[in-house]
Protein backbone atom coordinates (compact mmCIF):
# COMPACT_ATOMS: atom_id res chain seq x y z
CA GLN A 1 0.00 0.00 0.00
CA VAL A 2 1.34 3.41 -1.01
CA GLN A 3 0.40 6.58 0.81
CA LEU A 4 0.79 9.98 -0.83
CA VAL A 5 0.56 13.29 1.02
CA GLU A 6 0.56 16.60 -0.84
CA SER A 7 1.43 19.98 0.61
CA GLY A 8 2.29 23.47 -0.54
CA GLY A 9 -1.04 24.70 -1.80
CA GLY A 10 -2.45 28.07 -0.87
CA LEU A 11 -3.70 31.43 -2.06
CA VAL A 12 -1.53 33.40 -4.47
CA GLN A 13 -2.02 36.37 -6.77
CA ALA A 14 -1.95 35.97 -10.51
CA GLY A 15 1.63 35.92 -11.75
CA GLY A 16 2.88 34.40 -8.53
CA SER A 17 4.46 31.04 -7.80
CA LEU A 18 3.88 28.01 -5.62
CA ARG A 19 5.72 24.73 -5.18
CA LEU A 20 3.72 21.65 -4.39
CA SER A 21 5.30 18.64 -2.74
CA CYS A 22 4.08 15.07 -2.49
CA VAL A 23 5.72 12.64 -0.10
CA ALA A 24 5.28 8.92 -0.67
CA SER A 25 5.49 6.11 1.86
CA GLY A 26 4.78 2.42 1.93
CA GLY A 27 6.52 1.34 -1.23
CA THR A 28 9.58 1.65 -3.44
CA PHE A 29 9.21 5.21 -4.65
CA SER A 30 11.93 5.02 -7.30
CA ARG A 31 9.93 2.33 -9.13
CA TYR A 32 6.85 4.50 -9.64
CA ALA A 33 6.13 6.98 -12.36
CA MET A 34 4.41 9.97 -10.77
CA GLY A 35 1.74 12.30 -12.02
CA TRP A 36 0.06 15.54 -11.06
CA PHE A 37 -3.58 16.16 -11.82
CA ARG A 38 -6.00 18.91 -10.88
CA GLN A 39 -9.72 19.29 -10.53
CA ALA A 40 -11.62 22.57 -10.52
CA PRO A 41 -15.20 22.82 -9.18
CA GLY A 42 -17.68 21.36 -11.64
CA LYS A 43 -14.95 20.08 -13.95
CA GLU A 44 -13.33 16.75 -14.71
CA ARG A 45 -9.99 15.86 -13.19
CA GLU A 46 -7.32 16.79 -15.71
CA PHE A 47 -3.73 15.87 -16.34
CA VAL A 48 -1.09 18.45 -15.42
CA ALA A 49 2.33 16.76 -15.45
CA ALA A 50 4.05 13.40 -15.28
CA ILE A 51 7.55 12.46 -14.15
CA SER A 52 9.25 9.21 -15.09
CA MET A 53 10.69 6.82 -12.51
CA GLY A 54 14.18 8.29 -12.60
CA GLY A 55 13.01 11.82 -13.26
CA ALA A 56 14.74 12.13 -16.64
CA ASN A 57 11.49 12.43 -18.58
CA THR A 58 8.71 14.88 -17.88
CA TYR A 59 5.45 15.52 -19.70
CA TYR A 60 3.06 18.44 -19.42
CA ALA A 61 -0.40 19.49 -20.40
CA ASP A 62 -0.35 22.23 -23.04
CA SER A 63 -2.07 24.58 -20.61
CA VAL A 64 0.88 24.54 -18.20
CA LYS A 65 3.82 23.95 -20.52
CA GLY A 66 6.53 26.53 -19.96
CA ARG A 67 5.08 27.59 -16.60
CA PHE A 68 5.08 24.41 -14.51
CA THR A 69 8.01 22.10 -13.82
CA GLY A 70 7.76 18.62 -12.39
CA SER A 71 10.69 16.97 -10.61
CA ARG A 72 11.42 14.30 -8.04
CA ASP A 73 13.96 13.43 -5.37
CA ASN A 74 13.98 9.66 -4.99
CA ALA A 75 16.22 9.89 -1.92
CA LYS A 76 13.45 11.85 -0.20
CA ASN A 77 10.52 9.90 -1.70
CA THR A 78 9.18 13.23 -2.89
CA VAL A 79 7.81 14.61 -6.13
CA TYR A 80 7.45 18.34 -6.76
CA LEU A 81 5.46 20.64 -8.97
CA GLN A 82 6.93 24.12 -9.35
CA MET A 83 4.21 26.45 -10.62
CA ASN A 84 5.20 29.85 -11.98
CA SER A 85 3.23 32.61 -13.69
CA LEU A 86 0.06 31.33 -12.12
CA LYS A 87 -3.28 32.29 -13.63
CA PRO A 88 -6.78 32.33 -12.13
CA GLU A 89 -7.67 29.38 -14.34
CA ASP A 90 -5.04 27.31 -12.50
CA THR A 91 -7.29 27.38 -9.44
CA ALA A 92 -8.10 23.78 -8.50
CA VAL A 93 -7.39 20.98 -6.08
CA TYR A 94 -4.09 19.43 -7.11
CA TYR A 95 -3.45 15.72 -6.67
CA CYS A 96 -0.34 13.64 -6.98
CA ALA A 97 -0.62 10.05 -8.11
CA ALA A 98 1.62 7.00 -8.41
CA ASP A 99 1.74 4.67 -11.38
CA LEU A 100 3.25 1.34 -10.34
CA PHE A 101 3.70 0.05 -13.88
CA GLY A 102 4.99 3.06 -15.79
CA GLY A 103 2.33 2.94 -18.46
CA LYS A 104 2.54 5.03 -21.58
CA TYR A 105 -0.86 6.60 -20.96
CA TYR A 106 0.54 8.92 -18.32
CA TYR A 107 -2.10 11.56 -19.12
CA ARG A 108 -5.02 9.33 -18.12
CA ALA A 109 -6.12 9.30 -14.51
CA ILE A 110 -7.11 5.65 -14.79
CA THR A 111 -3.43 4.77 -15.33
CA TYR A 112 -2.57 5.65 -11.73
CA ASP A 113 -2.86 3.25 -8.85
CA TYR A 114 -2.61 5.49 -5.80
CA TRP A 115 -3.69 9.06 -5.12
CA GLY A 116 -3.08 11.69 -2.51
CA GLN A 117 -5.81 13.61 -0.76
CA GLY A 118 -5.20 16.80 -2.72
CA THR A 119 -4.10 20.32 -1.91
CA GLN A 120 -6.03 23.47 -2.81
CA VAL A 121 -4.45 26.09 -5.05
CA THR A 122 -6.30 29.37 -5.44
CA VAL A 123 -5.07 32.08 -7.78
CA SER A 124 -6.66 35.49 -7.40
CA SER A 125 -6.86 37.99 -10.23
């Protein structure tokens, strides 16, 4: 069983930055691909970023490309999402997720086996 705990959310003005963290426990973190998703009120959960097992490969939704950066520190069992140039439309609950099998469909929520509880990000205009 893998547990994921996100932190780092909060209220920020448009143009500001936040860094989300997600700490994993209960498994071999370095063997999991990791993803970040978000869900705004009344909307479907959507893909934000994915980070490969070793961290060498990252993938982003077009809406965040160039503004968000995903990374991981396997020694700390932690994955990060650095969010810069935040916009009001980035407001959502952000979730990290673990993919035990490293599937190629990293942008699909169904690919992921474990999820954190989420952290709220609110961007004011």
